[in-house]
Amino acid sequence: MNHGGAGTPAPHAAGAAGRTGAEGFRPAADHGRPPDPDDLALAVAGRKLLTGADGRLPRIGELPARTGWVAVGTLDGVPAWATEVSDPESLPGRWRSWRGLAAELPAAAADLAGRALAVVTWRRTHRWCGACRAELADVPGETARRCPTCGLTVYVPLSVAVLTAITRPGELLLVRHAHGPTELWALVAGFVEAGESLEAAVHREVAEEVGLTLDRPAYVDSQPWALSGPGTLLAGFTAAVTDPAAEPVVDRAELTAARWFPVDSLPAELPPAYSLSRWLIDAVVARG
């Protein structure tokens, strides 16, 4: 799994602390009223979202009247709604990828945009019951759909992936992935399998990709990450190798290179500042 992504580092990115508290982004499935002209509008077309000419998220009243708005949350207390757009050229503004938005918007706005992508994609791909093929109906007050025939209930899927900053005294292991932004030096990463703990996934992914064994991983932070697909959540760890003399053995299916770097002499081609990968790398550097 690649957790890179090119982009201009965002000065606001400072980890999960910037996304918590009374302000910031909060998910919601119901606002208890229809959209208001001053509410935030997240128009989605495929994997892109609409912004105004100034790069900010538009308001409901700035867009032509339309139906199909779905509550997705609040941003600094302002209700936000999402809708799928089949004719993107009909709306004024600029269509942006989530990666482009995450590089420029505050972290809370990027999280909201990621949720909008996840909810809209899920609604498009979960119209019919997978058990009996009846049409699903929305569950009031929840981001869920239920089959009126057999009772099957489906929710927005969440895929969890782990990232690991692997260390030995004075050095950090960085890898180049075979897919995605291949020019970046990033961290070992991979999706958690059913039945695995986060820590077990860390040990497995590191063993598979670079052939190393680790001491107990230490959890650091997490981040919603729409670049790897709608509904992806990243969990970040640091861990020291059990044998400081061990060298990585690269899994060529996933990686093209893996190297130990002195923490005071890292390469310039690192993940962007808004990413959990970079937060983990910066934490290791700060620790020395």
Protein backbone atom coordinates (compact mmCIF):
# COMPACT_ATOMS: atom_id res chain seq x y z
CA MET A 1 0.00 0.00 0.00
CA ASN A 2 1.31 3.44 -0.89
CA HIS A 3 0.75 6.36 1.43
CA GLY A 4 2.51 9.07 -0.51
CA GLY A 5 1.05 11.76 -2.67
CA ALA A 6 2.64 14.83 -4.13
CA GLY A 7 1.47 18.25 -3.10
CA THR A 8 2.47 21.49 -1.49
CA PRO A 9 2.99 21.00 2.25
CA ALA A 10 0.09 22.48 4.20
CA PRO A 11 1.15 24.73 7.08
CA HIS A 12 -1.91 23.76 9.13
CA ALA A 13 -1.13 20.03 9.31
CA ALA A 14 -0.25 19.12 12.88
CA GLY A 15 -1.80 15.71 13.51
CA ALA A 16 -5.07 14.60 15.02
CA ALA A 17 -5.08 17.32 17.66
CA GLY A 18 -6.14 19.81 14.99
CA ARG A 19 -9.25 17.78 14.23
CA THR A 20 -10.70 17.37 17.71
CA GLY A 21 -12.63 19.53 20.13
CA ALA A 22 -15.86 21.51 19.76
CA GLU A 23 -14.76 23.04 16.47
CA GLY A 24 -13.44 21.26 13.42
CA PHE A 25 -15.19 18.40 11.62
CA ARG A 26 -17.84 16.17 13.15
CA PRO A 27 -19.67 13.45 11.19
CA ALA A 28 -23.47 13.52 11.17
CA ALA A 29 -26.19 11.59 9.38
CA ASP A 30 -29.08 14.00 10.00
CA HIS A 31 -29.33 17.75 10.54
CA GLY A 32 -33.04 17.67 11.42
CA ARG A 33 -33.93 20.12 8.65
CA PRO A 34 -33.45 20.70 4.91
CA PRO A 35 -30.30 22.40 3.59
CA ASP A 36 -29.98 26.12 4.30
CA PRO A 37 -28.37 28.51 1.78
CA ASP A 38 -25.53 29.19 4.24
CA ASP A 39 -24.75 25.48 4.78
CA LEU A 40 -21.66 23.94 3.20
CA ALA A 41 -22.07 22.11 -0.11
CA LEU A 42 -19.90 19.16 -1.11
CA ALA A 43 -20.70 18.30 -4.71
CA VAL A 44 -19.04 15.04 -5.80
CA ALA A 45 -18.40 13.82 -9.35
CA GLY A 46 -16.55 10.51 -9.40
CA ARG A 47 -13.48 11.02 -7.19
CA LYS A 48 -13.49 14.83 -7.38
CA LEU A 49 -15.12 17.59 -5.36
CA LEU A 50 -16.22 21.07 -6.34
CA THR A 51 -14.56 24.18 -4.93
CA GLY A 52 -15.06 27.83 -5.68
CA ALA A 53 -12.60 29.89 -7.69
CA ASP A 54 -10.92 30.86 -4.40
CA GLY A 55 -10.39 27.19 -3.47
CA ARG A 56 -12.89 27.07 -0.61
CA LEU A 57 -15.88 24.78 -0.28
CA PRO A 58 -19.03 26.45 -1.68
CA ARG A 59 -22.29 27.15 0.15
CA ILE A 60 -25.62 25.62 -0.78
CA GLY A 61 -26.94 29.01 -1.91
CA GLU A 62 -24.03 29.50 -4.33
CA LEU A 63 -25.06 26.49 -6.43
CA PRO A 64 -28.10 25.98 -8.66
CA ALA A 65 -31.08 24.49 -6.83
CA ARG A 66 -30.93 20.71 -6.82
CA THR A 67 -32.20 17.72 -4.86
CA GLY A 68 -30.39 14.74 -3.42
CA TRP A 69 -28.46 16.48 -0.64
CA VAL A 70 -27.32 14.10 2.12
CA ALA A 71 -26.14 15.25 5.56
CA VAL A 72 -22.47 14.36 6.12
CA GLY A 73 -21.44 16.40 9.16
CA THR A 74 -20.53 19.83 10.44
CA LEU A 75 -17.44 21.98 9.99
CA ASP A 76 -16.84 24.49 12.78
CA GLY A 77 -20.51 24.09 13.66
CA VAL A 78 -21.79 24.72 10.10
CA PRO A 79 -23.94 21.88 8.68
CA ALA A 80 -22.51 20.23 5.55
CA TRP A 81 -24.31 18.32 2.81
CA ALA A 82 -23.09 16.14 -0.05
CA THR A 83 -24.61 15.25 -3.38
CA GLU A 84 -23.56 13.29 -6.46
CA VAL A 85 -23.32 15.29 -9.67
CA SER A 86 -23.79 13.61 -13.04
CA ASP A 87 -23.18 16.78 -15.09
CA PRO A 88 -20.15 18.46 -13.44
CA GLU A 89 -19.70 21.00 -16.25
CA SER A 90 -23.07 22.52 -15.34
CA LEU A 91 -21.78 23.84 -12.01
CA PRO A 92 -19.57 26.89 -11.55
CA GLY A 93 -16.21 26.38 -9.89
CA ARG A 94 -13.26 24.01 -10.04
CA TRP A 95 -13.27 20.23 -9.64
CA ARG A 96 -10.45 19.00 -7.39
CA SER A 97 -9.07 15.66 -6.26
CA TRP A 98 -9.04 14.94 -2.54
CA ARG A 99 -5.23 15.01 -2.62
CA GLY A 100 -5.30 18.54 -4.03
CA LEU A 101 -7.75 19.67 -1.36
CA ALA A 102 -5.82 18.02 1.47
CA ALA A 103 -2.67 19.87 0.44
CA GLU A 104 -4.35 23.27 0.75
CA LEU A 105 -7.36 23.13 3.07
CA PRO A 106 -7.30 22.85 6.88
CA ALA A 107 -7.19 19.25 8.08
CA ALA A 108 -10.80 19.34 9.33
CA ALA A 109 -12.08 20.43 5.90
CA ALA A 110 -10.07 17.67 4.24
CA ASP A 111 -11.62 15.13 6.63
CA LEU A 112 -15.09 16.42 5.76
CA ALA A 113 -14.31 16.15 2.04
CA GLY A 114 -13.11 12.58 2.56
CA ARG A 115 -16.34 11.66 4.34
CA ALA A 116 -18.40 13.20 1.55
CA LEU A 117 -16.53 11.08 -1.01
CA ALA A 118 -17.07 7.95 1.09
CA VAL A 119 -20.79 8.54 1.66
CA VAL A 120 -21.57 9.46 -1.95
CA THR A 121 -19.59 6.50 -3.32
CA TRP A 122 -21.27 4.14 -0.86
CA ARG A 123 -24.75 5.36 -1.79
CA ARG A 124 -24.01 4.85 -5.48
CA THR A 125 -22.63 1.35 -5.03
CA HIS A 126 -25.10 0.09 -2.40
CA ARG A 127 -28.52 0.57 -3.94
CA TRP A 128 -29.50 -3.10 -3.90
CA CYS A 129 -29.56 -5.82 -1.24
CA GLY A 130 -26.67 -8.25 -1.64
CA ALA A 131 -28.72 -11.06 -0.09
CA CYS A 132 -32.10 -10.89 -1.85
CA ARG A 133 -31.60 -8.14 -4.49
CA ALA A 134 -34.41 -5.88 -3.25
CA GLU A 135 -33.88 -2.11 -3.32
CA LEU A 136 -32.38 -0.78 -0.10
CA ALA A 137 -34.02 2.03 1.89
CA ASP A 138 -32.28 4.72 3.95
CA VAL A 139 -32.35 4.27 7.73
CA PRO A 140 -33.54 7.57 9.29
CA GLY A 141 -30.89 9.27 11.41
CA GLU A 142 -28.10 6.90 10.38
CA THR A 143 -25.64 6.56 7.53
CA ALA A 144 -27.07 3.15 6.75
CA ARG A 145 -29.42 1.38 4.37
CA ARG A 146 -31.76 -1.50 5.18
CA CYS A 147 -33.49 -4.08 3.02
CA PRO A 148 -37.28 -3.90 3.46
CA THR A 149 -37.57 -7.57 2.41
CA CYS A 150 -34.95 -9.48 4.41
CA GLY A 151 -33.80 -6.85 6.91
CA LEU A 152 -30.12 -6.77 5.86
CA THR A 153 -28.53 -3.49 7.01
CA VAL A 154 -25.43 -2.07 5.30
CA TYR A 155 -23.15 0.70 6.51
CA VAL A 156 -20.40 2.77 4.93
CA PRO A 157 -17.42 0.38 4.79
CA LEU A 158 -14.27 1.32 6.67
CA SER A 159 -10.88 -0.03 5.59
CA VAL A 160 -8.09 0.26 8.17
CA ALA A 161 -4.42 0.41 7.20
CA VAL A 162 -1.30 0.60 9.32
CA LEU A 163 1.85 2.68 8.76
CA THR A 164 5.07 2.00 10.61
CA ALA A 165 8.13 4.18 11.15
CA ILE A 166 10.80 1.50 11.65
CA THR A 167 13.87 2.61 13.57
CA ARG A 168 17.24 1.53 14.83
CA PRO A 169 19.63 3.77 16.82
CA GLY A 170 20.02 7.03 14.90
CA GLU A 171 18.36 5.73 11.72
CA LEU A 172 14.94 5.41 10.05
CA LEU A 173 13.95 2.86 7.42
CA LEU A 174 12.32 4.39 4.32
CA VAL A 175 10.96 2.55 1.30
CA ARG A 176 9.95 3.27 -2.27
CA HIS A 177 6.72 1.68 -3.41
CA ALA A 178 6.21 -0.11 -6.70
CA HIS A 179 2.86 1.63 -7.25
CA GLY A 180 1.51 5.13 -6.67
CA PRO A 181 3.93 8.05 -6.20
CA THR A 182 7.02 5.88 -6.76
CA GLU A 183 9.49 8.76 -6.38
CA LEU A 184 8.79 9.24 -2.66
CA TRP A 185 10.69 7.70 0.22
CA ALA A 186 7.84 6.62 2.51
CA LEU A 187 6.95 4.10 5.24
CA VAL A 188 5.96 0.45 5.19
CA ALA A 189 2.16 0.31 5.05
CA GLY A 190 -0.64 -2.17 4.48
CA PHE A 191 -4.28 -2.95 5.14
CA VAL A 192 -5.43 -4.81 8.24
CA GLU A 193 -6.93 -8.23 7.55
CA ALA A 194 -10.13 -9.53 9.17
CA GLY A 195 -9.28 -11.07 12.53
CA GLU A 196 -6.04 -9.10 12.96
CA SER A 197 -5.17 -6.57 15.61
CA LEU A 198 -3.47 -3.38 14.48
CA GLU A 199 -0.21 -4.52 16.05
CA ALA A 200 -0.39 -7.93 14.38
CA ALA A 201 -0.90 -6.20 11.03
CA VAL A 202 2.21 -4.08 11.67
CA HIS A 203 4.34 -7.16 12.34
CA ARG A 204 2.96 -9.01 9.31
CA GLU A 205 3.33 -6.15 6.84
CA VAL A 206 6.88 -5.38 7.96
CA ALA A 207 7.87 -9.04 7.74
CA GLU A 208 6.29 -9.38 4.28
CA GLU A 209 7.65 -6.18 2.75
CA VAL A 210 11.13 -5.83 4.26
CA GLY A 211 11.76 -9.09 6.14
CA LEU A 212 12.39 -7.45 9.53
CA THR A 213 11.16 -8.29 13.02
CA LEU A 214 10.14 -5.58 15.47
CA ASP A 215 9.82 -4.85 19.13
CA ARG A 216 6.30 -3.98 20.27
CA PRO A 217 4.89 -1.20 18.04
CA ALA A 218 3.90 2.05 19.76
CA TYR A 219 0.73 3.75 18.51
CA VAL A 220 1.20 7.43 17.56
CA ASP A 221 -1.75 8.86 15.62
CA SER A 222 -4.46 8.20 13.02
CA GLN A 223 -5.84 9.93 9.93
CA PRO A 224 -8.72 9.48 7.48
CA TRP A 225 -7.06 9.05 4.09
CA ALA A 226 -9.34 9.26 1.05
CA LEU A 227 -6.40 9.00 -1.36
CA SER A 228 -6.28 5.22 -0.81
CA GLY A 229 -10.02 4.93 -1.46
CA PRO A 230 -13.21 6.23 0.18
CA GLY A 231 -13.50 5.08 3.79
CA THR A 232 -9.81 4.42 4.49
CA LEU A 233 -8.48 5.07 7.99
CA LEU A 234 -4.75 5.05 8.70
CA ALA A 235 -3.23 4.08 12.05
CA GLY A 236 0.38 5.12 12.60
CA PHE A 237 3.01 3.36 14.70
CA THR A 238 6.70 3.54 15.47
CA ALA A 239 8.72 0.44 16.24
CA ALA A 240 12.37 -0.49 16.68
CA VAL A 241 13.88 -3.54 14.97
CA THR A 242 14.80 -6.43 17.25
CA ASP A 243 18.21 -6.75 15.55
CA PRO A 244 19.90 -3.37 14.87
CA ALA A 245 22.31 -5.08 12.44
CA ALA A 246 19.52 -6.46 10.24
CA GLU A 247 19.16 -5.17 6.69
CA PRO A 248 15.86 -5.05 4.79
CA VAL A 249 14.98 -7.75 2.27
CA VAL A 250 12.70 -6.07 -0.25
CA ASP A 251 9.45 -7.63 -1.48
CA ARG A 252 9.70 -6.64 -5.15
CA ALA A 253 5.94 -6.98 -5.68
CA GLU A 254 5.28 -4.12 -3.26
CA LEU A 255 8.53 -2.14 -3.12
CA THR A 256 11.39 -1.11 -5.35
CA ALA A 257 13.82 -0.11 -2.60
CA ALA A 258 14.32 0.04 1.17
CA ARG A 259 17.16 1.86 2.95
CA TRP A 260 18.27 2.97 6.38
CA PHE A 261 18.75 6.77 6.55
CA PRO A 262 20.36 8.77 9.35
CA VAL A 263 17.57 10.75 11.02
CA ASP A 264 19.56 13.96 10.54
CA SER A 265 20.08 13.30 6.82
CA LEU A 266 16.78 12.20 5.31
CA PRO A 267 16.10 12.47 1.55
CA ALA A 268 14.15 15.41 0.16
CA GLU A 269 11.55 13.17 -1.50
CA LEU A 270 9.36 12.61 1.56
CA PRO A 271 5.55 12.37 1.85
CA PRO A 272 3.69 15.70 2.02
CA ALA A 273 3.30 17.58 5.29
CA TYR A 274 -0.46 16.90 5.53
CA SER A 275 0.05 13.11 5.64
CA LEU A 276 0.31 10.76 8.60
CA SER A 277 3.47 9.32 7.01
CA ARG A 278 5.17 12.68 7.36
CA TRP A 279 3.90 13.18 10.92
CA LEU A 280 5.49 9.87 11.90
CA ILE A 281 8.75 10.70 10.11
CA ASP A 282 8.88 14.14 11.76
CA ALA A 283 8.23 12.56 15.19
CA VAL A 284 11.20 10.24 14.72
CA VAL A 285 13.42 13.14 13.61
CA ALA A 286 12.35 15.25 16.60
CA ARG A 287 13.18 12.38 18.90
CA GLY A 288 16.62 12.04 17.33
